[in-house]
Amino acid sequence: MRLKAEKIVGRDGEVFFRCPRCGKLFRYSKDYTKHVNKAHRHLLSQ
């Protein structure tokens, strides 16, 4: 299974990444990737 980030554009044009599983917002894709690997690892191992 793959969790694909939802891209959200802020008021100033900056792109944010939202976790589809828990709704957390991230400013950088690296932070989003680290979050998915830590918090949702149990989904990826199946």
C-alpha atoms as a PDB file:
ATOM      1  CA  MET A   1       0.000   0.000   0.000  1.00  0.00           C
ATOM      2  CA  ARG A   2       1.195   3.489  -0.767  1.00  0.00           C
ATOM      3  CA  LEU A   3       0.109   6.658   1.001  1.00  0.00           C
ATOM      4  CA  LYS A   4       0.071   9.498  -1.485  1.00  0.00           C
ATOM      5  CA  ALA A   5       0.260  13.005  -0.041  1.00  0.00           C
ATOM      6  CA  GLU A   6      -2.472  15.486  -0.830  1.00  0.00           C
ATOM      7  CA  LYS A   7      -0.875  18.703  -2.035  1.00  0.00           C
ATOM      8  CA  ILE A   8      -2.434  21.880  -0.687  1.00  0.00           C
ATOM      9  CA  VAL A   9      -1.482  25.359  -1.876  1.00  0.00           C
ATOM     10  CA  GLY A  10      -1.415  27.990   0.861  1.00  0.00           C
ATOM     11  CA  ARG A  11      -2.495  31.617   0.620  1.00  0.00           C
ATOM     12  CA  ASP A  12       0.994  32.755  -0.312  1.00  0.00           C
ATOM     13  CA  GLY A  13       1.420  30.059  -2.985  1.00  0.00           C
ATOM     14  CA  GLU A  14       3.466  27.689  -0.828  1.00  0.00           C
ATOM     15  CA  VAL A  15       2.757  23.972  -1.271  1.00  0.00           C
ATOM     16  CA  PHE A  16       1.959  21.869   1.808  1.00  0.00           C
ATOM     17  CA  PHE A  17       1.650  18.105   2.075  1.00  0.00           C
ATOM     18  CA  ARG A  18      -1.279  16.567   3.955  1.00  0.00           C
ATOM     19  CA  CYS A  19      -1.336  13.008   5.236  1.00  0.00           C
ATOM     20  CA  PRO A  20      -4.496  11.284   3.928  1.00  0.00           C
ATOM     21  CA  ARG A  21      -4.494   8.875   6.866  1.00  0.00           C
ATOM     22  CA  CYS A  22      -4.453  11.290   9.837  1.00  0.00           C
ATOM     23  CA  GLY A  23      -4.737  14.773   8.305  1.00  0.00           C
ATOM     24  CA  LYS A  24      -1.437  16.193   9.557  1.00  0.00           C
ATOM     25  CA  LEU A  25       0.067  19.043   7.523  1.00  0.00           C
ATOM     26  CA  PHE A  26       3.729  19.230   6.527  1.00  0.00           C
ATOM     27  CA  ARG A  27       5.699  22.013   4.921  1.00  0.00           C
ATOM     28  CA  TYR A  28       8.370  19.815   3.324  1.00  0.00           C
ATOM     29  CA  SER A  29       8.008  16.479   1.551  1.00  0.00           C
ATOM     30  CA  LYS A  30      10.906  15.049   3.562  1.00  0.00           C
ATOM     31  CA  ASP A  31       9.005  15.687   6.802  1.00  0.00           C
ATOM     32  CA  TYR A  32       5.921  14.004   5.312  1.00  0.00           C
ATOM     33  CA  THR A  33       7.968  10.963   4.274  1.00  0.00           C
ATOM     34  CA  LYS A  34       9.504  10.652   7.754  1.00  0.00           C
ATOM     35  CA  HIS A  35       6.040  10.887   9.324  1.00  0.00           C
ATOM     36  CA  VAL A  36       4.585   8.154   7.090  1.00  0.00           C
ATOM     37  CA  ASN A  37       7.530   5.837   7.733  1.00  0.00           C
ATOM     38  CA  LYS A  38       7.232   6.286  11.508  1.00  0.00           C
ATOM     39  CA  ALA A  39       3.503   6.620  12.171  1.00  0.00           C
ATOM     40  CA  HIS A  40       2.036   4.400   9.452  1.00  0.00           C
ATOM     41  CA  ARG A  41       4.764   1.773   9.063  1.00  0.00           C
ATOM     42  CA  HIS A  42       2.373  -1.033  10.000  1.00  0.00           C
ATOM     43  CA  LEU A  43       0.353  -0.335   6.833  1.00  0.00           C
ATOM     44  CA  LEU A  44       3.364  -0.452   4.544  1.00  0.00           C
ATOM     45  CA  SER A  45       4.711  -3.786   5.793  1.00  0.00           C
ATOM     46  CA  GLN A  46       1.709  -5.805   4.620  1.00  0.00           C
END
